[in-house]
Amino acid sequence: MELVNAVGGGDVKRELDLAAVHSDLDTHEQRYQPEYHPALKLKFTPDSPTVLLFGSGKYNIAGASSEQELWSTHEELIQKINSLIPVDKGDVDVEFEVRNLVYLDEFDKELDLYQLSESFDNQKTRYEPEVMSCLYYYPNPDSGTFMIFSSGKILHTGLDDPDVIKELFSDLFNKIESLFQE
């Protein structure tokens, strides 16, 4: 099981003038086009996660390869925002949370997605090969989503606890393996 994307977000709990932030902030990449999208898009380095910063003070960070990278990007963002706010207003008060961890694992055989969709409870699957080349599997209402590909690659998204995700992968692999033994 490999973490391929960590997503988080927060709120600096104050309104931000994004045009001013855009002109004053020093980052590798910035894009602010309010006529197309209400957020200021930032990247601190060429391969860093992407930050979407909104005028409301809320922000999202996506594309981190680890929780540590997610947290360090959050800290860098807050440090840069603090450097723009006059000292008499004090440091920014922040809420931040990890919202989603996307993991990839691989079953050791190619999979017949039609067979899987027929074998799983159809209330827990969605398979539309003309729309997407994977089978969506929802084990339980609060267990996120698996995207199962015929190559055997499987993505999981929708949760933020690696231990729970690992257990879900184990359960899924056992379920698939049992289909091969029938």
C-alpha atoms as a PDB file:
ATOM      1  CA  MET A   1       0.000   0.000   0.000  1.00  0.00           C
ATOM      2  CA  GLU A   2       1.494   3.307  -1.112  1.00  0.00           C
ATOM      3  CA  LEU A   3       0.262   6.802  -0.310  1.00  0.00           C
ATOM      4  CA  VAL A   4      -0.079   8.655  -3.626  1.00  0.00           C
ATOM      5  CA  ASN A   5      -1.897  11.814  -2.551  1.00  0.00           C
ATOM      6  CA  ALA A   6      -2.527  13.526   0.763  1.00  0.00           C
ATOM      7  CA  VAL A   7      -5.152  16.271   0.864  1.00  0.00           C
ATOM      8  CA  GLY A   8      -5.891  18.705   3.647  1.00  0.00           C
ATOM      9  CA  GLY A   9      -7.335  22.068   4.310  1.00  0.00           C
ATOM     10  CA  GLY A  10      -7.852  24.768   6.801  1.00  0.00           C
ATOM     11  CA  ASP A  11      -9.003  28.228   7.625  1.00  0.00           C
ATOM     12  CA  VAL A  12      -6.929  31.228   8.703  1.00  0.00           C
ATOM     13  CA  LYS A  13     -10.158  32.705  10.137  1.00  0.00           C
ATOM     14  CA  ARG A  14      -9.922  36.062   8.435  1.00  0.00           C
ATOM     15  CA  GLU A  15     -10.727  37.573   5.082  1.00  0.00           C
ATOM     16  CA  LEU A  16      -7.798  37.876   2.689  1.00  0.00           C
ATOM     17  CA  ASP A  17      -7.297  40.339  -0.150  1.00  0.00           C
ATOM     18  CA  LEU A  18      -6.144  37.787  -2.722  1.00  0.00           C
ATOM     19  CA  ALA A  19      -5.019  40.450  -5.210  1.00  0.00           C
ATOM     20  CA  ALA A  20      -2.688  41.881  -2.557  1.00  0.00           C
ATOM     21  CA  VAL A  21      -1.516  38.432  -1.455  1.00  0.00           C
ATOM     22  CA  HIS A  22      -0.866  37.552  -5.109  1.00  0.00           C
ATOM     23  CA  SER A  23       1.306  40.618  -5.636  1.00  0.00           C
ATOM     24  CA  ASP A  24       3.157  40.397  -2.294  1.00  0.00           C
ATOM     25  CA  LEU A  25       3.671  36.660  -1.873  1.00  0.00           C
ATOM     26  CA  ASP A  26       6.922  35.107  -3.094  1.00  0.00           C
ATOM     27  CA  THR A  27       6.332  31.582  -4.427  1.00  0.00           C
ATOM     28  CA  HIS A  28       7.536  29.443  -7.321  1.00  0.00           C
ATOM     29  CA  GLU A  29       4.158  29.566  -9.088  1.00  0.00           C
ATOM     30  CA  GLN A  30       1.038  31.640  -8.589  1.00  0.00           C
ATOM     31  CA  ARG A  31      -2.139  32.006 -10.575  1.00  0.00           C
ATOM     32  CA  TYR A  32      -4.961  34.319  -9.683  1.00  0.00           C
ATOM     33  CA  GLN A  33      -7.729  34.761 -12.230  1.00  0.00           C
ATOM     34  CA  PRO A  34     -10.837  35.671 -10.206  1.00  0.00           C
ATOM     35  CA  GLU A  35     -12.954  35.897 -13.345  1.00  0.00           C
ATOM     36  CA  TYR A  36     -12.412  32.128 -13.842  1.00  0.00           C
ATOM     37  CA  HIS A  37     -11.822  30.765 -10.339  1.00  0.00           C
ATOM     38  CA  PRO A  38     -12.175  32.415  -6.923  1.00  0.00           C
ATOM     39  CA  ALA A  39      -8.945  30.982  -5.480  1.00  0.00           C
ATOM     40  CA  LEU A  40      -5.306  31.961  -5.630  1.00  0.00           C
ATOM     41  CA  LYS A  41      -3.375  28.884  -6.781  1.00  0.00           C
ATOM     42  CA  LEU A  42       0.127  28.519  -5.298  1.00  0.00           C
ATOM     43  CA  LYS A  43       3.070  26.151  -5.551  1.00  0.00           C
ATOM     44  CA  PHE A  44       6.095  26.809  -3.374  1.00  0.00           C
ATOM     45  CA  THR A  45       8.462  24.670  -5.488  1.00  0.00           C
ATOM     46  CA  PRO A  46       8.019  22.981  -8.878  1.00  0.00           C
ATOM     47  CA  ASP A  47       7.130  19.629  -7.294  1.00  0.00           C
ATOM     48  CA  SER A  48       5.354  20.831  -4.148  1.00  0.00           C
ATOM     49  CA  PRO A  49       1.659  20.290  -3.442  1.00  0.00           C
ATOM     50  CA  THR A  50      -0.830  22.781  -4.839  1.00  0.00           C
ATOM     51  CA  VAL A  51      -2.479  25.269  -2.505  1.00  0.00           C
ATOM     52  CA  LEU A  52      -5.824  26.869  -3.298  1.00  0.00           C
ATOM     53  CA  LEU A  53      -6.282  29.942  -1.100  1.00  0.00           C
ATOM     54  CA  PHE A  54      -9.689  31.632  -0.969  1.00  0.00           C
ATOM     55  CA  GLY A  55     -10.614  35.186   0.025  1.00  0.00           C
ATOM     56  CA  SER A  56     -12.621  33.790   2.935  1.00  0.00           C
ATOM     57  CA  GLY A  57      -9.346  32.580   4.458  1.00  0.00           C
ATOM     58  CA  LYS A  58     -10.097  28.933   3.754  1.00  0.00           C
ATOM     59  CA  TYR A  59      -7.560  26.888   1.829  1.00  0.00           C
ATOM     60  CA  ASN A  60      -7.009  23.427   0.393  1.00  0.00           C
ATOM     61  CA  ILE A  61      -3.733  21.607  -0.175  1.00  0.00           C
ATOM     62  CA  ALA A  62      -3.585  18.685  -2.614  1.00  0.00           C
ATOM     63  CA  GLY A  63      -0.878  16.603  -4.215  1.00  0.00           C
ATOM     64  CA  ALA A  64       1.301  15.883  -1.190  1.00  0.00           C
ATOM     65  CA  SER A  65       3.149  12.572  -1.340  1.00  0.00           C
ATOM     66  CA  SER A  66       3.067  12.156   2.443  1.00  0.00           C
ATOM     67  CA  GLU A  67       1.277  13.506   5.477  1.00  0.00           C
ATOM     68  CA  GLN A  68       4.558  15.132   6.488  1.00  0.00           C
ATOM     69  CA  GLU A  69       4.733  17.005   3.165  1.00  0.00           C
ATOM     70  CA  LEU A  70       1.097  18.053   3.613  1.00  0.00           C
ATOM     71  CA  TRP A  71       1.796  19.454   7.082  1.00  0.00           C
ATOM     72  CA  SER A  72       5.016  21.192   5.993  1.00  0.00           C
ATOM     73  CA  THR A  73       3.196  22.838   3.066  1.00  0.00           C
ATOM     74  CA  HIS A  74       0.515  24.017   5.500  1.00  0.00           C
ATOM     75  CA  GLU A  75       3.205  25.426   7.816  1.00  0.00           C
ATOM     76  CA  GLU A  76       4.957  27.190   4.926  1.00  0.00           C
ATOM     77  CA  LEU A  77       1.667  28.735   3.802  1.00  0.00           C
ATOM     78  CA  ILE A  78       0.904  30.027   7.293  1.00  0.00           C
ATOM     79  CA  GLN A  79       4.430  31.387   7.675  1.00  0.00           C
ATOM     80  CA  LYS A  80       4.097  33.276   4.367  1.00  0.00           C
ATOM     81  CA  ILE A  81       0.657  34.641   5.286  1.00  0.00           C
ATOM     82  CA  ASN A  82       1.975  35.712   8.694  1.00  0.00           C
ATOM     83  CA  SER A  83       4.798  37.598   6.960  1.00  0.00           C
ATOM     84  CA  LEU A  84       2.205  39.647   5.021  1.00  0.00           C
ATOM     85  CA  ILE A  85       0.026  40.588   7.994  1.00  0.00           C
ATOM     86  CA  PRO A  86       1.197  43.655   9.964  1.00  0.00           C
ATOM     87  CA  VAL A  87       2.762  42.791  13.330  1.00  0.00           C
ATOM     88  CA  ASP A  88       0.144  44.748  15.312  1.00  0.00           C
ATOM     89  CA  LYS A  89      -2.529  42.291  14.106  1.00  0.00           C
ATOM     90  CA  GLY A  90      -0.563  39.302  15.432  1.00  0.00           C
ATOM     91  CA  ASP A  91      -0.110  35.875  13.959  1.00  0.00           C
ATOM     92  CA  VAL A  92      -2.826  34.146  12.021  1.00  0.00           C
ATOM     93  CA  ASP A  93      -5.027  31.789  14.056  1.00  0.00           C
ATOM     94  CA  VAL A  94      -5.384  28.600  12.027  1.00  0.00           C
ATOM     95  CA  GLU A  95      -7.463  25.452  11.792  1.00  0.00           C
ATOM     96  CA  PHE A  96      -5.979  22.639   9.660  1.00  0.00           C
ATOM     97  CA  GLU A  97      -6.888  19.012   9.073  1.00  0.00           C
ATOM     98  CA  VAL A  98      -5.918  16.073   6.924  1.00  0.00           C
ATOM     99  CA  ARG A  99      -9.037  15.398   4.859  1.00  0.00           C
ATOM    100  CA  ASN A 100      -8.207  12.580   2.495  1.00  0.00           C
ATOM    101  CA  LEU A 101      -5.432  10.067   1.925  1.00  0.00           C
ATOM    102  CA  VAL A 102      -5.341   8.328  -1.447  1.00  0.00           C
ATOM    103  CA  TYR A 103      -3.600   4.957  -1.366  1.00  0.00           C
ATOM    104  CA  LEU A 104      -2.606   2.633  -4.193  1.00  0.00           C
ATOM    105  CA  ASP A 105      -2.131  -1.108  -3.910  1.00  0.00           C
ATOM    106  CA  GLU A 106      -2.018  -3.903  -6.432  1.00  0.00           C
ATOM    107  CA  PHE A 107      -3.711  -7.271  -6.531  1.00  0.00           C
ATOM    108  CA  ASP A 108      -1.289  -9.815  -8.025  1.00  0.00           C
ATOM    109  CA  LYS A 109      -3.624 -10.858 -10.882  1.00  0.00           C
ATOM    110  CA  GLU A 110      -5.563  -9.171 -13.640  1.00  0.00           C
ATOM    111  CA  LEU A 111      -9.193  -8.728 -12.729  1.00  0.00           C
ATOM    112  CA  ASP A 112     -12.403  -9.217 -14.675  1.00  0.00           C
ATOM    113  CA  LEU A 113     -14.309  -6.118 -13.575  1.00  0.00           C
ATOM    114  CA  TYR A 114     -17.610  -7.364 -14.936  1.00  0.00           C
ATOM    115  CA  GLN A 115     -17.246 -10.569 -12.904  1.00  0.00           C
ATOM    116  CA  LEU A 116     -16.352  -8.557  -9.801  1.00  0.00           C
ATOM    117  CA  SER A 117     -19.335  -6.264 -10.275  1.00  0.00           C
ATOM    118  CA  GLU A 118     -21.602  -9.306 -10.539  1.00  0.00           C
ATOM    119  CA  SER A 119     -20.003 -10.993  -7.505  1.00  0.00           C
ATOM    120  CA  PHE A 120     -20.095  -7.995  -5.171  1.00  0.00           C
ATOM    121  CA  ASP A 121     -23.298  -6.602  -3.697  1.00  0.00           C
ATOM    122  CA  ASN A 122     -24.554  -4.343  -6.497  1.00  0.00           C
ATOM    123  CA  GLN A 123     -25.630  -1.759  -3.907  1.00  0.00           C
ATOM    124  CA  LYS A 124     -21.919  -1.349  -3.135  1.00  0.00           C
ATOM    125  CA  THR A 125     -20.566  -1.134  -6.700  1.00  0.00           C
ATOM    126  CA  ARG A 126     -20.769   0.964  -9.814  1.00  0.00           C
ATOM    127  CA  TYR A 127     -19.338  -0.307 -13.052  1.00  0.00           C
ATOM    128  CA  GLU A 128     -19.788   1.760 -16.196  1.00  0.00           C
ATOM    129  CA  PRO A 129     -16.938   0.826 -18.544  1.00  0.00           C
ATOM    130  CA  GLU A 130     -18.076   3.345 -21.161  1.00  0.00           C
ATOM    131  CA  VAL A 131     -17.623   6.128 -18.592  1.00  0.00           C
ATOM    132  CA  MET A 132     -14.607   4.995 -16.541  1.00  0.00           C
ATOM    133  CA  SER A 133     -12.271   2.044 -16.903  1.00  0.00           C
ATOM    134  CA  CYS A 134     -12.630   0.956 -13.299  1.00  0.00           C
ATOM    135  CA  LEU A 135     -15.091  -0.583 -10.901  1.00  0.00           C
ATOM    136  CA  TYR A 136     -16.136   1.645  -8.022  1.00  0.00           C
ATOM    137  CA  TYR A 137     -16.611  -0.283  -4.801  1.00  0.00           C
ATOM    138  CA  TYR A 138     -18.081   1.188  -1.607  1.00  0.00           C
ATOM    139  CA  PRO A 139     -17.702  -1.450   1.148  1.00  0.00           C
ATOM    140  CA  ASN A 140     -19.669   0.517   3.770  1.00  0.00           C
ATOM    141  CA  PRO A 141     -21.231   3.984   3.947  1.00  0.00           C
ATOM    142  CA  ASP A 142     -18.279   5.403   5.922  1.00  0.00           C
ATOM    143  CA  SER A 143     -15.399   3.463   4.350  1.00  0.00           C
ATOM    144  CA  GLY A 144     -14.501   5.595   1.358  1.00  0.00           C
ATOM    145  CA  THR A 145     -14.283   4.391  -2.232  1.00  0.00           C
ATOM    146  CA  PHE A 146     -12.165   1.827  -4.011  1.00  0.00           C
ATOM    147  CA  MET A 147     -11.389   2.255  -7.693  1.00  0.00           C
ATOM    148  CA  ILE A 148     -10.514  -1.214  -9.010  1.00  0.00           C
ATOM    149  CA  PHE A 149      -8.769  -1.509 -12.393  1.00  0.00           C
ATOM    150  CA  SER A 150      -8.525  -4.638 -14.546  1.00  0.00           C
ATOM    151  CA  SER A 151      -4.708  -4.496 -14.275  1.00  0.00           C
ATOM    152  CA  GLY A 152      -5.085  -5.304 -10.565  1.00  0.00           C
ATOM    153  CA  LYS A 153      -4.228  -1.751  -9.455  1.00  0.00           C
ATOM    154  CA  ILE A 154      -6.585  -0.488  -6.790  1.00  0.00           C
ATOM    155  CA  LEU A 155      -6.948   3.049  -5.431  1.00  0.00           C
ATOM    156  CA  HIS A 156      -8.696   3.958  -2.213  1.00  0.00           C
ATOM    157  CA  THR A 157      -9.925   7.462  -1.458  1.00  0.00           C
ATOM    158  CA  GLY A 158     -12.173   9.138   1.062  1.00  0.00           C
ATOM    159  CA  LEU A 159     -10.580   8.473   4.458  1.00  0.00           C
ATOM    160  CA  ASP A 160      -7.764   9.935   6.510  1.00  0.00           C
ATOM    161  CA  ASP A 161      -6.734   6.993   8.727  1.00  0.00           C
ATOM    162  CA  PRO A 162      -4.003   4.754   7.212  1.00  0.00           C
ATOM    163  CA  ASP A 163      -4.731   1.886   9.633  1.00  0.00           C
ATOM    164  CA  VAL A 164      -8.402   1.759   8.639  1.00  0.00           C
ATOM    165  CA  ILE A 165      -7.461   1.961   4.960  1.00  0.00           C
ATOM    166  CA  LYS A 166      -4.976  -0.900   5.366  1.00  0.00           C
ATOM    167  CA  GLU A 167      -7.681  -3.032   6.973  1.00  0.00           C
ATOM    168  CA  LEU A 168     -10.110  -2.184   4.155  1.00  0.00           C
ATOM    169  CA  PHE A 169      -7.518  -3.209   1.545  1.00  0.00           C
ATOM    170  CA  SER A 170      -6.950  -6.483   3.401  1.00  0.00           C
ATOM    171  CA  ASP A 171     -10.695  -7.198   3.489  1.00  0.00           C
ATOM    172  CA  LEU A 172     -11.037  -6.383  -0.216  1.00  0.00           C
ATOM    173  CA  PHE A 173      -8.074  -8.566  -1.212  1.00  0.00           C
ATOM    174  CA  ASN A 174      -9.514 -11.459   0.834  1.00  0.00           C
ATOM    175  CA  LYS A 175     -12.876 -10.995  -0.863  1.00  0.00           C
ATOM    176  CA  ILE A 176     -11.306 -10.965  -4.348  1.00  0.00           C
ATOM    177  CA  GLU A 177      -9.091 -13.946  -3.507  1.00  0.00           C
ATOM    178  CA  SER A 178     -12.137 -15.944  -2.390  1.00  0.00           C
ATOM    179  CA  LEU A 179     -13.684 -15.354  -5.836  1.00  0.00           C
ATOM    180  CA  PHE A 180     -10.656 -16.986  -7.484  1.00  0.00           C
ATOM    181  CA  GLN A 181     -11.077 -20.070  -5.261  1.00  0.00           C
ATOM    182  CA  GLU A 182     -14.704 -20.655  -6.245  1.00  0.00           C
END
